């Protein structure tokens, strides 16, 4: 699935960014691990979107990262 590969690539990029708070990087790692589970792809996407929505309210998140996360949500909603 094209969007899934792109999503994982963006997640990896954010996780490598040391300006992103650790709790956000850890949540993104959890989301990435979720994509490796045996669940249906629709369930994986829903879980990922829910987790991404939760972390976008973190006041310590850099603005650029928040934009990247919104882009992830858009990719997953397609």
N, C-alpha and C. Protein backbone atom coordinates (compact mmCIF):
# COMPACT_ATOMS: atom_id res chain seq x y z
N UNK A 1 0.84 -1.18 0.00
CA UNK A 1 0.00 0.00 0.00
C UNK A 1 0.89 1.25 0.00
N UNK A 2 0.72 2.08 -0.99
CA UNK A 2 1.56 3.26 -1.19
C UNK A 2 1.52 4.22 -0.02
N UNK A 3 0.33 4.54 0.47
CA UNK A 3 0.20 5.51 1.54
C UNK A 3 0.82 5.01 2.84
N UNK A 4 0.75 3.72 3.06
CA UNK A 4 1.34 3.15 4.27
C UNK A 4 2.86 3.31 4.26
N UNK A 5 3.47 3.06 3.13
CA UNK A 5 4.92 3.22 3.02
C UNK A 5 5.33 4.67 3.25
N UNK A 6 4.57 5.59 2.68
CA UNK A 6 4.86 7.00 2.85
C UNK A 6 4.65 7.43 4.31
N UNK A 7 3.63 6.89 4.93
CA UNK A 7 3.34 7.18 6.33
C UNK A 7 4.50 6.73 7.22
N UNK A 8 4.97 5.52 7.01
CA UNK A 8 6.07 4.98 7.81
C UNK A 8 7.35 5.81 7.58
N UNK A 9 7.56 6.24 6.38
CA UNK A 9 8.73 7.07 6.07
C UNK A 9 8.68 8.40 6.84
N UNK A 10 7.52 9.02 6.90
CA UNK A 10 7.37 10.28 7.63
C UNK A 10 7.53 10.04 9.13
N UNK A 11 6.96 8.95 9.63
CA UNK A 11 7.11 8.61 11.04
C UNK A 11 8.58 8.46 11.39
N UNK A 12 9.32 7.72 10.57
CA UNK A 12 10.75 7.53 10.81
C UNK A 12 11.50 8.87 10.84
N UNK A 13 11.12 9.75 9.94
CA UNK A 13 11.76 11.07 9.87
C UNK A 13 11.52 11.86 11.17
N UNK A 14 10.29 11.82 11.67
CA UNK A 14 9.97 12.55 12.90
C UNK A 14 10.67 11.92 14.10
N UNK A 15 10.70 10.59 14.16
CA UNK A 15 11.32 9.89 15.28
C UNK A 15 12.81 10.21 15.38
N UNK A 16 13.45 10.43 14.25
CA UNK A 16 14.89 10.74 14.23
C UNK A 16 15.18 12.19 14.64
N UNK A 17 14.16 13.04 14.63
CA UNK A 17 14.33 14.45 14.96
C UNK A 17 14.39 14.63 16.47
N UNK A 18 15.54 15.01 16.98
CA UNK A 18 15.75 15.14 18.42
C UNK A 18 15.09 16.39 19.01
N UNK A 19 14.55 17.26 18.17
CA UNK A 19 13.83 18.42 18.70
C UNK A 19 12.40 18.07 19.08
N UNK A 20 11.96 16.88 18.66
CA UNK A 20 10.61 16.40 18.99
C UNK A 20 10.67 15.77 20.38
N UNK A 21 9.75 16.13 21.27
CA UNK A 21 9.74 15.54 22.61
C UNK A 21 9.67 14.01 22.58
N UNK A 22 10.32 13.41 23.56
CA UNK A 22 10.44 11.95 23.61
C UNK A 22 9.07 11.26 23.64
N UNK A 23 8.11 11.79 24.40
CA UNK A 23 6.80 11.14 24.48
C UNK A 23 6.13 11.07 23.10
N UNK A 24 6.32 12.07 22.28
CA UNK A 24 5.75 12.08 20.94
C UNK A 24 6.47 11.06 20.06
N UNK A 25 7.79 11.00 20.16
CA UNK A 25 8.55 10.01 19.39
C UNK A 25 8.15 8.59 19.79
N UNK A 26 7.93 8.37 21.07
CA UNK A 26 7.52 7.04 21.55
C UNK A 26 6.14 6.66 21.01
N UNK A 27 5.23 7.61 21.00
CA UNK A 27 3.89 7.35 20.45
C UNK A 27 3.98 7.02 18.97
N UNK A 28 4.83 7.73 18.25
CA UNK A 28 5.00 7.45 16.82
C UNK A 28 5.60 6.06 16.60
N UNK A 29 6.50 5.64 17.48
CA UNK A 29 7.05 4.28 17.38
C UNK A 29 5.96 3.24 17.61
N UNK A 30 5.06 3.51 18.55
CA UNK A 30 3.93 2.62 18.81
C UNK A 30 3.03 2.51 17.57
N UNK A 31 2.80 3.65 16.93
CA UNK A 31 1.97 3.66 15.72
C UNK A 31 2.64 2.81 14.63
N UNK A 32 3.93 2.99 14.48
CA UNK A 32 4.67 2.21 13.47
C UNK A 32 4.57 0.72 13.77
N UNK A 33 4.71 0.36 15.04
CA UNK A 33 4.60 -1.05 15.43
C UNK A 33 3.19 -1.59 15.16
N UNK A 34 2.20 -0.73 15.33
CA UNK A 34 0.81 -1.12 15.07
C UNK A 34 0.62 -1.57 13.63
N UNK A 35 1.34 -0.92 12.71
CA UNK A 35 1.22 -1.28 11.30
C UNK A 35 1.79 -2.67 10.99
N UNK A 36 2.58 -3.20 11.89
CA UNK A 36 3.15 -4.54 11.70
C UNK A 36 2.28 -5.64 12.31
N UNK A 37 1.16 -5.26 12.93
CA UNK A 37 0.28 -6.25 13.56
C UNK A 37 -0.53 -6.99 12.50
N UNK A 38 -1.24 -7.99 12.96
CA UNK A 38 -2.03 -8.84 12.06
C UNK A 38 -3.45 -8.30 11.83
N UNK A 39 -3.77 -7.17 12.42
CA UNK A 39 -5.11 -6.62 12.29
C UNK A 39 -5.39 -6.13 10.87
N UNK A 40 -6.66 -5.95 10.61
CA UNK A 40 -7.11 -5.41 9.32
C UNK A 40 -6.54 -4.00 9.14
N UNK A 41 -6.21 -3.65 7.92
CA UNK A 41 -5.61 -2.35 7.62
C UNK A 41 -6.50 -1.19 8.06
N UNK A 42 -7.80 -1.34 7.96
CA UNK A 42 -8.72 -0.28 8.38
C UNK A 42 -8.62 -0.04 9.89
N UNK A 43 -8.47 -1.10 10.65
CA UNK A 43 -8.34 -0.98 12.11
C UNK A 43 -7.00 -0.32 12.45
N UNK A 44 -5.95 -0.71 11.74
CA UNK A 44 -4.63 -0.10 11.95
C UNK A 44 -4.68 1.40 11.69
N UNK A 45 -5.32 1.78 10.60
CA UNK A 45 -5.43 3.20 10.25
C UNK A 45 -6.22 3.97 11.32
N UNK A 46 -7.34 3.39 11.76
CA UNK A 46 -8.16 4.06 12.77
C UNK A 46 -7.38 4.26 14.07
N UNK A 47 -6.65 3.24 14.49
CA UNK A 47 -5.85 3.36 15.70
C UNK A 47 -4.78 4.44 15.54
N UNK A 48 -4.12 4.43 14.40
CA UNK A 48 -3.06 5.41 14.15
C UNK A 48 -3.62 6.83 14.15
N UNK A 49 -4.75 7.04 13.48
CA UNK A 49 -5.36 8.37 13.43
C UNK A 49 -5.74 8.82 14.83
N UNK A 50 -6.30 7.92 15.62
CA UNK A 50 -6.68 8.26 17.00
C UNK A 50 -5.46 8.68 17.82
N UNK A 51 -4.38 7.92 17.72
CA UNK A 51 -3.16 8.23 18.47
C UNK A 51 -2.54 9.55 17.99
N UNK A 52 -2.57 9.78 16.68
CA UNK A 52 -2.03 11.03 16.15
C UNK A 52 -2.86 12.22 16.62
N UNK A 53 -4.17 12.06 16.64
CA UNK A 53 -5.04 13.14 17.14
C UNK A 53 -4.72 13.48 18.59
N UNK A 54 -4.43 12.46 19.39
CA UNK A 54 -4.12 12.67 20.80
C UNK A 54 -2.84 13.48 20.98
N UNK A 55 -1.82 13.20 20.18
CA UNK A 55 -0.54 13.88 20.40
C UNK A 55 -0.48 15.28 19.77
N UNK A 56 -1.39 15.61 18.88
CA UNK A 56 -1.35 16.94 18.27
C UNK A 56 -1.66 18.05 19.27
N UNK A 57 -2.26 17.69 20.38
CA UNK A 57 -2.58 18.71 21.39
C UNK A 57 -1.42 18.98 22.35
N UNK A 58 -0.31 18.27 22.18
CA UNK A 58 0.86 18.46 23.05
C UNK A 58 1.46 19.84 22.79
N UNK A 59 1.49 20.67 23.82
CA UNK A 59 1.97 22.05 23.66
C UNK A 59 3.48 22.13 23.43
N UNK A 60 4.21 21.05 23.71
CA UNK A 60 5.67 21.04 23.51
C UNK A 60 6.08 20.64 22.10
N UNK A 61 5.11 20.31 21.28
CA UNK A 61 5.41 19.86 19.93
C UNK A 61 5.83 21.04 19.05
N UNK A 62 6.94 20.88 18.33
CA UNK A 62 7.33 21.93 17.38
C UNK A 62 6.26 22.11 16.29
N UNK A 63 6.09 23.32 15.85
CA UNK A 63 5.05 23.63 14.85
C UNK A 63 5.25 22.79 13.58
N UNK A 64 6.49 22.68 13.12
CA UNK A 64 6.77 21.90 11.92
C UNK A 64 6.34 20.44 12.10
N UNK A 65 6.57 19.89 13.27
CA UNK A 65 6.18 18.49 13.55
C UNK A 65 4.67 18.34 13.54
N UNK A 66 3.99 19.33 14.10
CA UNK A 66 2.52 19.27 14.11
C UNK A 66 1.99 19.24 12.67
N UNK A 67 2.61 20.01 11.79
CA UNK A 67 2.21 20.00 10.39
C UNK A 67 2.47 18.63 9.77
N UNK A 68 3.60 18.03 10.08
CA UNK A 68 3.91 16.69 9.57
C UNK A 68 2.87 15.67 10.06
N UNK A 69 2.46 15.80 11.29
CA UNK A 69 1.48 14.86 11.85
C UNK A 69 0.12 15.05 11.19
N UNK A 70 -0.26 16.29 10.93
CA UNK A 70 -1.52 16.52 10.21
C UNK A 70 -1.44 15.91 8.81
N UNK A 71 -0.29 16.00 8.20
CA UNK A 71 -0.09 15.36 6.88
C UNK A 71 -0.23 13.85 6.98
N UNK A 72 0.27 13.27 8.07
CA UNK A 72 0.11 11.83 8.28
C UNK A 72 -1.36 11.46 8.38
N UNK A 73 -2.10 12.25 9.13
CA UNK A 73 -3.53 11.97 9.29
C UNK A 73 -4.22 12.05 7.92
N UNK A 74 -3.87 13.03 7.13
CA UNK A 74 -4.46 13.15 5.80
C UNK A 74 -4.14 11.93 4.93
N UNK A 75 -2.90 11.48 5.00
CA UNK A 75 -2.51 10.27 4.23
C UNK A 75 -3.32 9.06 4.67
N UNK A 76 -3.49 8.92 5.98
CA UNK A 76 -4.21 7.75 6.50
C UNK A 76 -5.70 7.81 6.21
N UNK A 77 -6.24 9.01 6.07
CA UNK A 77 -7.67 9.14 5.80
C UNK A 77 -8.01 8.89 4.33
N UNK A 78 -7.01 8.89 3.46
CA UNK A 78 -7.27 8.66 2.04
C UNK A 78 -7.65 7.22 1.78
